[in-house]
Structure formats: C-alpha cells, structure tokens
PDB file of N, CA and C in Angstrom:
ATOM      1  N   UNK A   1      13.425  40.454  -2.928  1.00  0.00           N
ATOM      2  CA  UNK A   1      13.288  39.789  -4.195  1.00  0.00           C
ATOM      3  C   UNK A   1      13.841  40.706  -5.282  1.00  0.00           C
ATOM      4  N   UNK A   2      14.634  40.131  -6.154  1.00  0.00           N
ATOM      5  CA  UNK A   2      15.241  40.880  -7.246  1.00  0.00           C
ATOM      6  C   UNK A   2      14.290  40.856  -8.428  1.00  0.00           C
ATOM      7  N   UNK A   3      14.030  42.017  -9.034  1.00  0.00           N
ATOM      8  CA  UNK A   3      13.126  42.031 -10.189  1.00  0.00           C
ATOM      9  C   UNK A   3      13.668  41.130 -11.306  1.00  0.00           C
ATOM     10  N   UNK A   4      12.782  40.356 -11.919  1.00  0.00           N
ATOM     11  CA  UNK A   4      13.168  39.484 -13.020  1.00  0.00           C
ATOM     12  C   UNK A   4      13.518  38.067 -12.589  1.00  0.00           C
ATOM     13  N   UNK A   5      13.767  37.872 -11.320  1.00  0.00           N
ATOM     14  CA  UNK A   5      14.061  36.526 -10.817  1.00  0.00           C
ATOM     15  C   UNK A   5      12.823  35.969 -10.115  1.00  0.00           C
ATOM     16  N   UNK A   6      12.493  34.694 -10.386  1.00  0.00           N
ATOM     17  CA  UNK A   6      11.331  34.117  -9.695  1.00  0.00           C
ATOM     18  C   UNK A   6      11.639  33.922  -8.224  1.00  0.00           C
ATOM     19  N   UNK A   7      10.625  33.997  -7.383  1.00  0.00           N
ATOM     20  CA  UNK A   7      10.869  33.793  -5.953  1.00  0.00           C
ATOM     21  C   UNK A   7      11.363  32.366  -5.694  1.00  0.00           C
ATOM     22  N   UNK A   8      12.250  32.238  -4.732  1.00  0.00           N
ATOM     23  CA  UNK A   8      12.773  30.923  -4.377  1.00  0.00           C
ATOM     24  C   UNK A   8      11.694  30.148  -3.626  1.00  0.00           C
ATOM     25  N   UNK A   9      11.494  28.924  -4.060  1.00  0.00           N
ATOM     26  CA  UNK A   9      10.488  28.117  -3.374  1.00  0.00           C
ATOM     27  C   UNK A   9      11.100  27.531  -2.104  1.00  0.00           C
ATOM     28  N   UNK A  10      10.352  27.612  -1.052  1.00  0.00           N
ATOM     29  CA  UNK A  10      10.782  27.065   0.223  1.00  0.00           C
ATOM     30  C   UNK A  10       9.847  25.918   0.580  1.00  0.00           C
ATOM     31  N   UNK A  11      10.410  24.852   1.138  1.00  0.00           N
ATOM     32  CA  UNK A  11       9.520  23.783   1.583  1.00  0.00           C
ATOM     33  C   UNK A  11       8.611  24.295   2.696  1.00  0.00           C
ATOM     34  N   UNK A  12       7.387  23.815   2.699  1.00  0.00           N
ATOM     35  CA  UNK A  12       6.442  24.254   3.718  1.00  0.00           C
ATOM     36  C   UNK A  12       6.927  23.813   5.087  1.00  0.00           C
ATOM     37  N   UNK A  13       6.748  24.680   6.043  1.00  0.00           N
ATOM     38  CA  UNK A  13       7.151  24.333   7.398  1.00  0.00           C
ATOM     39  C   UNK A  13       6.202  23.291   7.952  1.00  0.00           C
ATOM     40  N   UNK A  14       6.745  22.330   8.696  1.00  0.00           N
ATOM     41  CA  UNK A  14       5.926  21.305   9.311  1.00  0.00           C
ATOM     42  C   UNK A  14       5.705  20.076   8.446  1.00  0.00           C
ATOM     43  N   UNK A  15       6.142  20.094   7.210  1.00  0.00           N
ATOM     44  CA  UNK A  15       5.978  18.944   6.338  1.00  0.00           C
ATOM     45  C   UNK A  15       7.251  18.114   6.406  1.00  0.00           C
ATOM     46  N   UNK A  16       7.156  16.902   6.963  1.00  0.00           N
ATOM     47  CA  UNK A  16       8.377  16.096   7.096  1.00  0.00           C
ATOM     48  C   UNK A  16       8.821  15.547   5.748  1.00  0.00           C
ATOM     49  N   UNK A  17      10.101  15.274   5.597  1.00  0.00           N
ATOM     50  CA  UNK A  17      10.566  14.661   4.350  1.00  0.00           C
ATOM     51  C   UNK A  17      10.006  13.245   4.227  1.00  0.00           C
ATOM     52  N   UNK A  18       9.803  12.812   2.989  1.00  0.00           N
ATOM     53  CA  UNK A  18       9.218  11.498   2.727  1.00  0.00           C
ATOM     54  C   UNK A  18      10.288  10.541   2.231  1.00  0.00           C
ATOM     55  N   UNK A  19      10.291   9.329   2.780  1.00  0.00           N
ATOM     56  CA  UNK A  19      11.206   8.283   2.349  1.00  0.00           C
ATOM     57  C   UNK A  19      10.633   7.649   1.077  1.00  0.00           C
ATOM     58  N   UNK A  20      11.243   7.966  -0.051  1.00  0.00           N
ATOM     59  CA  UNK A  20      10.728   7.506  -1.356  1.00  0.00           C
ATOM     60  C   UNK A  20      10.757   5.991  -1.497  1.00  0.00           C
ATOM     61  N   UNK A  21      11.767   5.342  -0.920  1.00  0.00           N
ATOM     62  CA  UNK A  21      11.870   3.890  -1.013  1.00  0.00           C
ATOM     63  C   UNK A  21      10.691   3.190  -0.350  1.00  0.00           C
ATOM     64  N   UNK A  22      10.290   3.687   0.814  1.00  0.00           N
ATOM     65  CA  UNK A  22       9.141   3.096   1.507  1.00  0.00           C
ATOM     66  C   UNK A  22       7.849   3.348   0.739  1.00  0.00           C
ATOM     67  N   UNK A  23       7.747   4.515   0.121  1.00  0.00           N
ATOM     68  CA  UNK A  23       6.545   4.811  -0.660  1.00  0.00           C
ATOM     69  C   UNK A  23       6.449   3.910  -1.887  1.00  0.00           C
ATOM     70  N   UNK A  24       7.586   3.629  -2.515  1.00  0.00           N
ATOM     71  CA  UNK A  24       7.592   2.721  -3.665  1.00  0.00           C
ATOM     72  C   UNK A  24       7.191   1.318  -3.224  1.00  0.00           C
ATOM     73  N   UNK A  25       7.732   0.879  -2.092  1.00  0.00           N
ATOM     74  CA  UNK A  25       7.378  -0.440  -1.571  1.00  0.00           C
ATOM     75  C   UNK A  25       5.887  -0.522  -1.249  1.00  0.00           C
ATOM     76  N   UNK A  26       5.331   0.535  -0.686  1.00  0.00           N
ATOM     77  CA  UNK A  26       3.893   0.567  -0.405  1.00  0.00           C
ATOM     78  C   UNK A  26       3.092   0.459  -1.706  1.00  0.00           C
ATOM     79  N   UNK A  27       3.546   1.123  -2.748  1.00  0.00           N
ATOM     80  CA  UNK A  27       2.873   1.026  -4.043  1.00  0.00           C
ATOM     81  C   UNK A  27       2.945  -0.375  -4.624  1.00  0.00           C
ATOM     82  N   UNK A  28       4.081  -1.024  -4.451  1.00  0.00           N
ATOM     83  CA  UNK A  28       4.232  -2.407  -4.934  1.00  0.00           C
ATOM     84  C   UNK A  28       3.284  -3.328  -4.171  1.00  0.00           C
ATOM     85  N   UNK A  29       3.189  -3.143  -2.853  1.00  0.00           N
ATOM     86  CA  UNK A  29       2.283  -3.969  -2.055  1.00  0.00           C
ATOM     87  C   UNK A  29       0.832  -3.795  -2.495  1.00  0.00           C
ATOM     88  N   UNK A  30       0.457  -2.594  -2.884  1.00  0.00           N
ATOM     89  CA  UNK A  30      -0.906  -2.351  -3.357  1.00  0.00           C
ATOM     90  C   UNK A  30      -1.129  -2.893  -4.768  1.00  0.00           C
ATOM     91  N   UNK A  31      -0.076  -2.973  -5.559  1.00  0.00           N
ATOM     92  CA  UNK A  31      -0.206  -3.456  -6.938  1.00  0.00           C
ATOM     93  C   UNK A  31      -0.264  -4.982  -7.024  1.00  0.00           C
ATOM     94  N   UNK A  32       0.289  -5.672  -6.038  1.00  0.00           N
ATOM     95  CA  UNK A  32       0.334  -7.140  -6.089  1.00  0.00           C
ATOM     96  C   UNK A  32      -1.051  -7.761  -6.283  1.00  0.00           C
ATOM     97  N   UNK A  33      -2.067  -7.442  -5.443  1.00  0.00           N
ATOM     98  CA  UNK A  33      -3.369  -8.075  -5.653  1.00  0.00           C
ATOM     99  C   UNK A  33      -4.003  -7.702  -6.989  1.00  0.00           C
ATOM    100  N   UNK A  34      -3.765  -6.495  -7.449  1.00  0.00           N
ATOM    101  CA  UNK A  34      -4.343  -6.074  -8.731  1.00  0.00           C
ATOM    102  C   UNK A  34      -3.789  -6.929  -9.858  1.00  0.00           C
ATOM    103  N   UNK A  35      -2.478  -7.083  -9.883  1.00  0.00           N
ATOM    104  CA  UNK A  35      -1.837  -7.857 -10.947  1.00  0.00           C
ATOM    105  C   UNK A  35      -2.243  -9.326 -10.868  1.00  0.00           C
ATOM    106  N   UNK A  36      -2.197  -9.891  -9.670  1.00  0.00           N
ATOM    107  CA  UNK A  36      -2.493 -11.315  -9.510  1.00  0.00           C
ATOM    108  C   UNK A  36      -3.944 -11.627  -9.880  1.00  0.00           C
ATOM    109  N   UNK A  37      -4.876 -10.799  -9.444  1.00  0.00           N
ATOM    110  CA  UNK A  37      -6.282 -11.090  -9.715  1.00  0.00           C
ATOM    111  C   UNK A  37      -6.713 -10.739 -11.135  1.00  0.00           C
ATOM    112  N   UNK A  38      -5.953  -9.904 -11.820  1.00  0.00           N
ATOM    113  CA  UNK A  38      -6.250  -9.654 -13.242  1.00  0.00           C
ATOM    114  C   UNK A  38      -5.680 -10.741 -14.146  1.00  0.00           C
ATOM    115  N   UNK A  39      -4.795 -11.552 -13.602  1.00  0.00           N
ATOM    116  CA  UNK A  39      -4.194 -12.663 -14.361  1.00  0.00           C
ATOM    117  C   UNK A  39      -5.096 -13.897 -14.192  1.00  0.00           C
ATOM    118  N   UNK A  40      -6.277 -13.849 -14.787  1.00  0.00           N
ATOM    119  CA  UNK A  40      -7.314 -14.866 -14.604  1.00  0.00           C
ATOM    120  C   UNK A  40      -6.891 -16.270 -15.037  1.00  0.00           C
ATOM    121  N   UNK A  41      -6.178 -16.472 -16.158  1.00  0.00           N
ATOM    122  CA  UNK A  41      -5.817 -17.850 -16.534  1.00  0.00           C
ATOM    123  C   UNK A  41      -5.016 -18.592 -15.461  1.00  0.00           C
ATOM    124  N   UNK A  42      -4.380 -17.845 -14.583  1.00  0.00           N
ATOM    125  CA  UNK A  42      -3.604 -18.455 -13.500  1.00  0.00           C
ATOM    126  C   UNK A  42      -4.487 -19.243 -12.529  1.00  0.00           C
ATOM    127  N   UNK A  43      -5.718 -18.761 -12.288  1.00  0.00           N
ATOM    128  CA  UNK A  43      -6.562 -19.408 -11.289  1.00  0.00           C
ATOM    129  C   UNK A  43      -7.926 -19.853 -11.822  1.00  0.00           C
ATOM    130  N   UNK A  44      -8.147 -19.794 -13.116  1.00  0.00           N
ATOM    131  CA  UNK A  44      -9.421 -20.211 -13.703  1.00  0.00           C
ATOM    132  C   UNK A  44      -9.434 -21.721 -13.918  1.00  0.00           C
ATOM    133  N   UNK A  45      -9.557 -22.452 -12.807  1.00  0.00           N
ATOM    134  CA  UNK A  45      -9.594 -23.912 -12.873  1.00  0.00           C
ATOM    135  C   UNK A  45     -10.408 -24.444 -11.701  1.00  0.00           C
ATOM    136  N   UNK A  46     -10.764 -25.704 -11.789  1.00  0.00           N
ATOM    137  CA  UNK A  46     -11.594 -26.328 -10.759  1.00  0.00           C
ATOM    138  C   UNK A  46     -10.743 -26.982  -9.677  1.00  0.00           C
ATOM    139  N   UNK A  47      -9.699 -27.648 -10.069  1.00  0.00           N
ATOM    140  CA  UNK A  47      -8.851 -28.380  -9.125  1.00  0.00           C
ATOM    141  C   UNK A  47      -7.723 -27.489  -8.616  1.00  0.00           C
ATOM    142  N   UNK A  48      -7.282 -27.606  -7.425  1.00  0.00           N
ATOM    143  CA  UNK A  48      -7.738 -28.468  -6.347  1.00  0.00           C
ATOM    144  C   UNK A  48      -8.942 -27.870  -5.619  1.00  0.00           C
ATOM    145  N   UNK A  49      -9.836 -28.719  -5.200  1.00  0.00           N
ATOM    146  CA  UNK A  49     -10.999 -28.280  -4.438  1.00  0.00           C
ATOM    147  C   UNK A  49     -10.639 -28.180  -2.959  1.00  0.00           C
ATOM    148  N   UNK A  50     -11.327 -27.304  -2.277  1.00  0.00           N
ATOM    149  CA  UNK A  50     -11.145 -27.150  -0.832  1.00  0.00           C
ATOM    150  C   UNK A  50     -12.531 -27.158  -0.204  1.00  0.00           C
ATOM    151  N   UNK A  51     -12.826 -28.204   0.560  1.00  0.00           N
ATOM    152  CA  UNK A  51     -14.142 -28.377   1.197  1.00  0.00           C
ATOM    153  C   UNK A  51     -15.280 -28.329   0.175  1.00  0.00           C
ATOM    154  N   UNK A  52     -15.034 -28.839  -1.009  1.00  0.00           N
ATOM    155  CA  UNK A  52     -16.046 -28.885  -2.055  1.00  0.00           C
ATOM    156  C   UNK A  52     -16.116 -27.641  -2.929  1.00  0.00           C
ATOM    157  N   UNK A  53     -15.330 -26.630  -2.613  1.00  0.00           N
ATOM    158  CA  UNK A  53     -15.328 -25.404  -3.406  1.00  0.00           C
ATOM    159  C   UNK A  53     -14.225 -25.480  -4.459  1.00  0.00           C
ATOM    160  N   UNK A  54     -14.549 -25.152  -5.697  1.00  0.00           N
ATOM    161  CA  UNK A  54     -13.518 -25.151  -6.739  1.00  0.00           C
ATOM    162  C   UNK A  54     -12.416 -24.125  -6.430  1.00  0.00           C
ATOM    163  N   UNK A  55     -11.251 -24.389  -6.966  1.00  0.00           N
ATOM    164  CA  UNK A  55     -10.088 -23.520  -6.748  1.00  0.00           C
ATOM    165  C   UNK A  55     -10.415 -22.070  -7.059  1.00  0.00           C
ATOM    166  N   UNK A  56     -11.116 -21.811  -8.147  1.00  0.00           N
ATOM    167  CA  UNK A  56     -11.447 -20.453  -8.587  1.00  0.00           C
ATOM    168  C   UNK A  56     -12.074 -19.638  -7.461  1.00  0.00           C
ATOM    169  N   UNK A  57     -13.013 -20.239  -6.717  1.00  0.00           N
ATOM    170  CA  UNK A  57     -13.734 -19.502  -5.676  1.00  0.00           C
ATOM    171  C   UNK A  57     -12.904 -19.327  -4.407  1.00  0.00           C
ATOM    172  N   UNK A  58     -12.293 -20.420  -3.922  1.00  0.00           N
ATOM    173  CA  UNK A  58     -11.575 -20.254  -2.661  1.00  0.00           C
ATOM    174  C   UNK A  58     -10.293 -19.450  -2.824  1.00  0.00           C
ATOM    175  N   UNK A  59      -9.705 -19.452  -4.022  1.00  0.00           N
ATOM    176  CA  UNK A  59      -8.509 -18.648  -4.274  1.00  0.00           C
ATOM    177  C   UNK A  59      -8.849 -17.157  -4.201  1.00  0.00           C
ATOM    178  N   UNK A  60      -9.970 -16.787  -4.830  1.00  0.00           N
ATOM    179  CA  UNK A  60     -10.374 -15.376  -4.773  1.00  0.00           C
ATOM    180  C   UNK A  60     -10.751 -14.965  -3.354  1.00  0.00           C
ATOM    181  N   UNK A  61     -11.412 -15.856  -2.620  1.00  0.00           N
ATOM    182  CA  UNK A  61     -11.774 -15.542  -1.245  1.00  0.00           C
ATOM    183  C   UNK A  61     -10.537 -15.395  -0.369  1.00  0.00           C
ATOM    184  N   UNK A  62      -9.522 -16.198  -0.604  1.00  0.00           N
ATOM    185  CA  UNK A  62      -8.257 -16.081   0.118  1.00  0.00           C
ATOM    186  C   UNK A  62      -7.635 -14.701  -0.107  1.00  0.00           C
ATOM    187  N   UNK A  63      -7.765 -14.186  -1.322  1.00  0.00           N
ATOM    188  CA  UNK A  63      -7.192 -12.880  -1.635  1.00  0.00           C
ATOM    189  C   UNK A  63      -7.902 -11.733  -0.921  1.00  0.00           C
ATOM    190  N   UNK A  64      -9.121 -11.943  -0.433  1.00  0.00           N
ATOM    191  CA  UNK A  64      -9.786 -10.911   0.379  1.00  0.00           C
ATOM    192  C   UNK A  64      -8.934 -10.637   1.622  1.00  0.00           C
ATOM    193  N   UNK A  65      -8.482 -11.702   2.270  1.00  0.00           N
ATOM    194  CA  UNK A  65      -7.674 -11.551   3.482  1.00  0.00           C
ATOM    195  C   UNK A  65      -6.250 -11.093   3.163  1.00  0.00           C
ATOM    196  N   UNK A  66      -5.664 -11.650   2.096  1.00  0.00           N
ATOM    197  CA  UNK A  66      -4.323 -11.226   1.706  1.00  0.00           C
ATOM    198  C   UNK A  66      -4.298  -9.754   1.319  1.00  0.00           C
ATOM    199  N   UNK A  67      -5.320  -9.320   0.604  1.00  0.00           N
ATOM    200  CA  UNK A  67      -5.385  -7.919   0.166  1.00  0.00           C
ATOM    201  C   UNK A  67      -5.524  -6.975   1.366  1.00  0.00           C
ATOM    202  N   UNK A  68      -6.311  -7.370   2.349  1.00  0.00           N
ATOM    203  CA  UNK A  68      -6.446  -6.504   3.526  1.00  0.00           C
ATOM    204  C   UNK A  68      -5.117  -6.419   4.280  1.00  0.00           C
ATOM    205  N   UNK A  69      -4.391  -7.516   4.365  1.00  0.00           N
ATOM    206  CA  UNK A  69      -3.081  -7.498   5.016  1.00  0.00           C
ATOM    207  C   UNK A  69      -2.078  -6.639   4.262  1.00  0.00           C
ATOM    208  N   UNK A  70      -2.077  -6.753   2.944  1.00  0.00           N
ATOM    209  CA  UNK A  70      -1.163  -5.946   2.134  1.00  0.00           C
ATOM    210  C   UNK A  70      -1.517  -4.465   2.203  1.00  0.00           C
ATOM    211  N   UNK A  71      -2.811  -4.157   2.245  1.00  0.00           N
ATOM    212  CA  UNK A  71      -3.241  -2.758   2.357  1.00  0.00           C
ATOM    213  C   UNK A  71      -2.825  -2.171   3.696  1.00  0.00           C
ATOM    214  N   UNK A  72      -2.966  -2.948   4.766  1.00  0.00           N
ATOM    215  CA  UNK A  72      -2.546  -2.470   6.086  1.00  0.00           C
ATOM    216  C   UNK A  72      -1.029  -2.254   6.129  1.00  0.00           C
ATOM    217  N   UNK A  73      -0.283  -3.174   5.545  1.00  0.00           N
ATOM    218  CA  UNK A  73       1.176  -3.028   5.503  1.00  0.00           C
ATOM    219  C   UNK A  73       1.567  -1.779   4.712  1.00  0.00           C
ATOM    220  N   UNK A  74       0.881  -1.521   3.603  1.00  0.00           N
ATOM    221  CA  UNK A  74       1.162  -0.323   2.805  1.00  0.00           C
ATOM    222  C   UNK A  74       0.822   0.944   3.593  1.00  0.00           C
ATOM    223  N   UNK A  75      -0.251   0.902   4.346  1.00  0.00           N
ATOM    224  CA  UNK A  75      -0.644   2.037   5.188  1.00  0.00           C
ATOM    225  C   UNK A  75       0.429   2.331   6.234  1.00  0.00           C
ATOM    226  N   UNK A  76       0.899   1.291   6.920  1.00  0.00           N
ATOM    227  CA  UNK A  76       1.930   1.482   7.937  1.00  0.00           C
ATOM    228  C   UNK A  76       3.238   1.975   7.317  1.00  0.00           C
ATOM    229  N   UNK A  77       3.584   1.448   6.140  1.00  0.00           N
ATOM    230  CA  UNK A  77       4.790   1.922   5.448  1.00  0.00           C
ATOM    231  C   UNK A  77       4.663   3.399   5.073  1.00  0.00           C
ATOM    232  N   UNK A  78       3.482   3.797   4.637  1.00  0.00           N
ATOM    233  CA  UNK A  78       3.261   5.196   4.267  1.00  0.00           C
ATOM    234  C   UNK A  78       3.410   6.103   5.485  1.00  0.00           C
ATOM    235  N   UNK A  79       2.837   5.692   6.602  1.00  0.00           N
ATOM    236  CA  UNK A  79       3.001   6.488   7.823  1.00  0.00           C
ATOM    237  C   UNK A  79       4.470   6.582   8.211  1.00  0.00           C
ATOM    238  N   UNK A  80       5.169   5.460   8.127  1.00  0.00           N
ATOM    239  CA  UNK A  80       6.586   5.434   8.469  1.00  0.00           C
ATOM    240  C   UNK A  80       7.402   6.302   7.512  1.00  0.00           C
ATOM    241  N   UNK A  81       7.074   6.259   6.245  1.00  0.00           N
ATOM    242  CA  UNK A  81       7.811   7.033   5.240  1.00  0.00           C
ATOM    243  C   UNK A  81       7.637   8.527   5.452  1.00  0.00           C
ATOM    244  N   UNK A  82       6.496   8.923   5.979  1.00  0.00           N
ATOM    245  CA  UNK A  82       6.225  10.345   6.201  1.00  0.00           C
ATOM    246  C   UNK A  82       6.609  10.797   7.602  1.00  0.00           C
ATOM    247  N   UNK A  83       7.165   9.872   8.401  1.00  0.00           N
ATOM    248  CA  UNK A  83       7.582  10.231   9.750  1.00  0.00           C
ATOM    249  C   UNK A  83       6.423  10.462  10.684  1.00  0.00           C
ATOM    250  N   UNK A  84       5.313   9.827  10.395  1.00  0.00           N
ATOM    251  CA  UNK A  84       4.118  10.009  11.214  1.00  0.00           C
ATOM    252  C   UNK A  84       3.851   8.737  12.006  1.00  0.00           C
ATOM    253  N   UNK A  85       3.022   8.866  13.018  1.00  0.00           N
ATOM    254  CA  UNK A  85       2.582   7.684  13.752  1.00  0.00           C
ATOM    255  C   UNK A  85       1.094   7.832  14.017  1.00  0.00           C
ATOM    256  N   UNK A  86       0.496   6.763  14.465  1.00  0.00           N
ATOM    257  CA  UNK A  86      -0.929   6.805  14.759  1.00  0.00           C
ATOM    258  C   UNK A  86      -1.210   7.188  16.211  1.00  0.00           C
ATOM    259  N   UNK A  87      -0.141   7.453  16.990  1.00  0.00           N
ATOM    260  CA  UNK A  87      -0.308   7.833  18.388  1.00  0.00           C
ATOM    261  C   UNK A  87      -0.685   9.299  18.482  1.00  0.00           C
ATOM    262  N   UNK A  88      -1.593   9.613  19.390  1.00  0.00           N
ATOM    263  CA  UNK A  88      -2.021  10.989  19.585  1.00  0.00           C
ATOM    264  C   UNK A  88      -1.069  11.673  20.562  1.00  0.00           C
ATOM    265  N   UNK A  89      -1.065  12.969  20.553  1.00  0.00           N
ATOM    266  CA  UNK A  89      -0.205  13.758  21.437  1.00  0.00           C
ATOM    267  C   UNK A  89      -0.554  13.443  22.881  1.00  0.00           C
ATOM    268  N   UNK A  90       0.448  13.159  23.684  1.00  0.00           N
ATOM    269  CA  UNK A  90       0.243  12.860  25.088  1.00  0.00           C
ATOM    270  C   UNK A  90      -0.029  11.387  25.365  1.00  0.00           C
ATOM    271  N   UNK A  91      -0.177  10.581  24.329  1.00  0.00           N
ATOM    272  CA  UNK A  91      -0.454   9.160  24.501  1.00  0.00           C
ATOM    273  C   UNK A  91       0.849   8.406  24.650  1.00  0.00           C
ATOM    274  N   UNK A  92       0.884   7.454  25.580  1.00  0.00           N
ATOM    275  CA  UNK A  92       2.092   6.631  25.755  1.00  0.00           C
ATOM    276  C   UNK A  92       2.250   5.698  24.576  1.00  0.00           C
ATOM    277  N   UNK A  93       3.502   5.508  24.180  1.00  0.00           N
ATOM    278  CA  UNK A  93       3.772   4.613  23.041  1.00  0.00           C
ATOM    279  C   UNK A  93       3.966   3.227  23.504  1.00  0.00           C
TER     280      UNK A  93
END
C-alpha cells in the first residue's frame, strides 16, 4: 500500500454478482399489491357480488392469494438474481 492512497476495495470472495434487472422486477412484483390495495376508490363498491359477498370483500380476499403468488415469484427471482438455489449440497436437482 502506498502512503496517502486509500486501499483498493476488493469484492468479497464467495459473493456472486447480482442481476440488477431481476432484482428490479422482484421489487415491482412486491410493489404491485401495495399500490393496488392502497388505491381504495378502485374497489370500494358493492357490485358485482360473488356468492352474496360485496365486491369490496371478495376483491381483497382474492388479493391474499395473488399477493402470496407474487411474493413467491419475487423470492424465486431474487434467488435467481443472486445465482443461488434452494437445493442443498449433494441433493439431486
């Protein structure tokens, strides 16, 4: 090291590069339910009813399942972006 010069930063060994595009897509997938469910005037209505339930209730309940699917997709994208998998060492793929 030369006096007066800061040490050169080296990337940590073992840390794979991250695909920024996939990480952005994962963030968008996580933001979709937040934006949609905060936009209350879009779904604050009674019609159409489904099995006697007003639109307001069944629409929000539908988003429980949609949100879990989007969260899982974002999780898989994040693993893919970091070059990781959920398989353990020695496990067949």
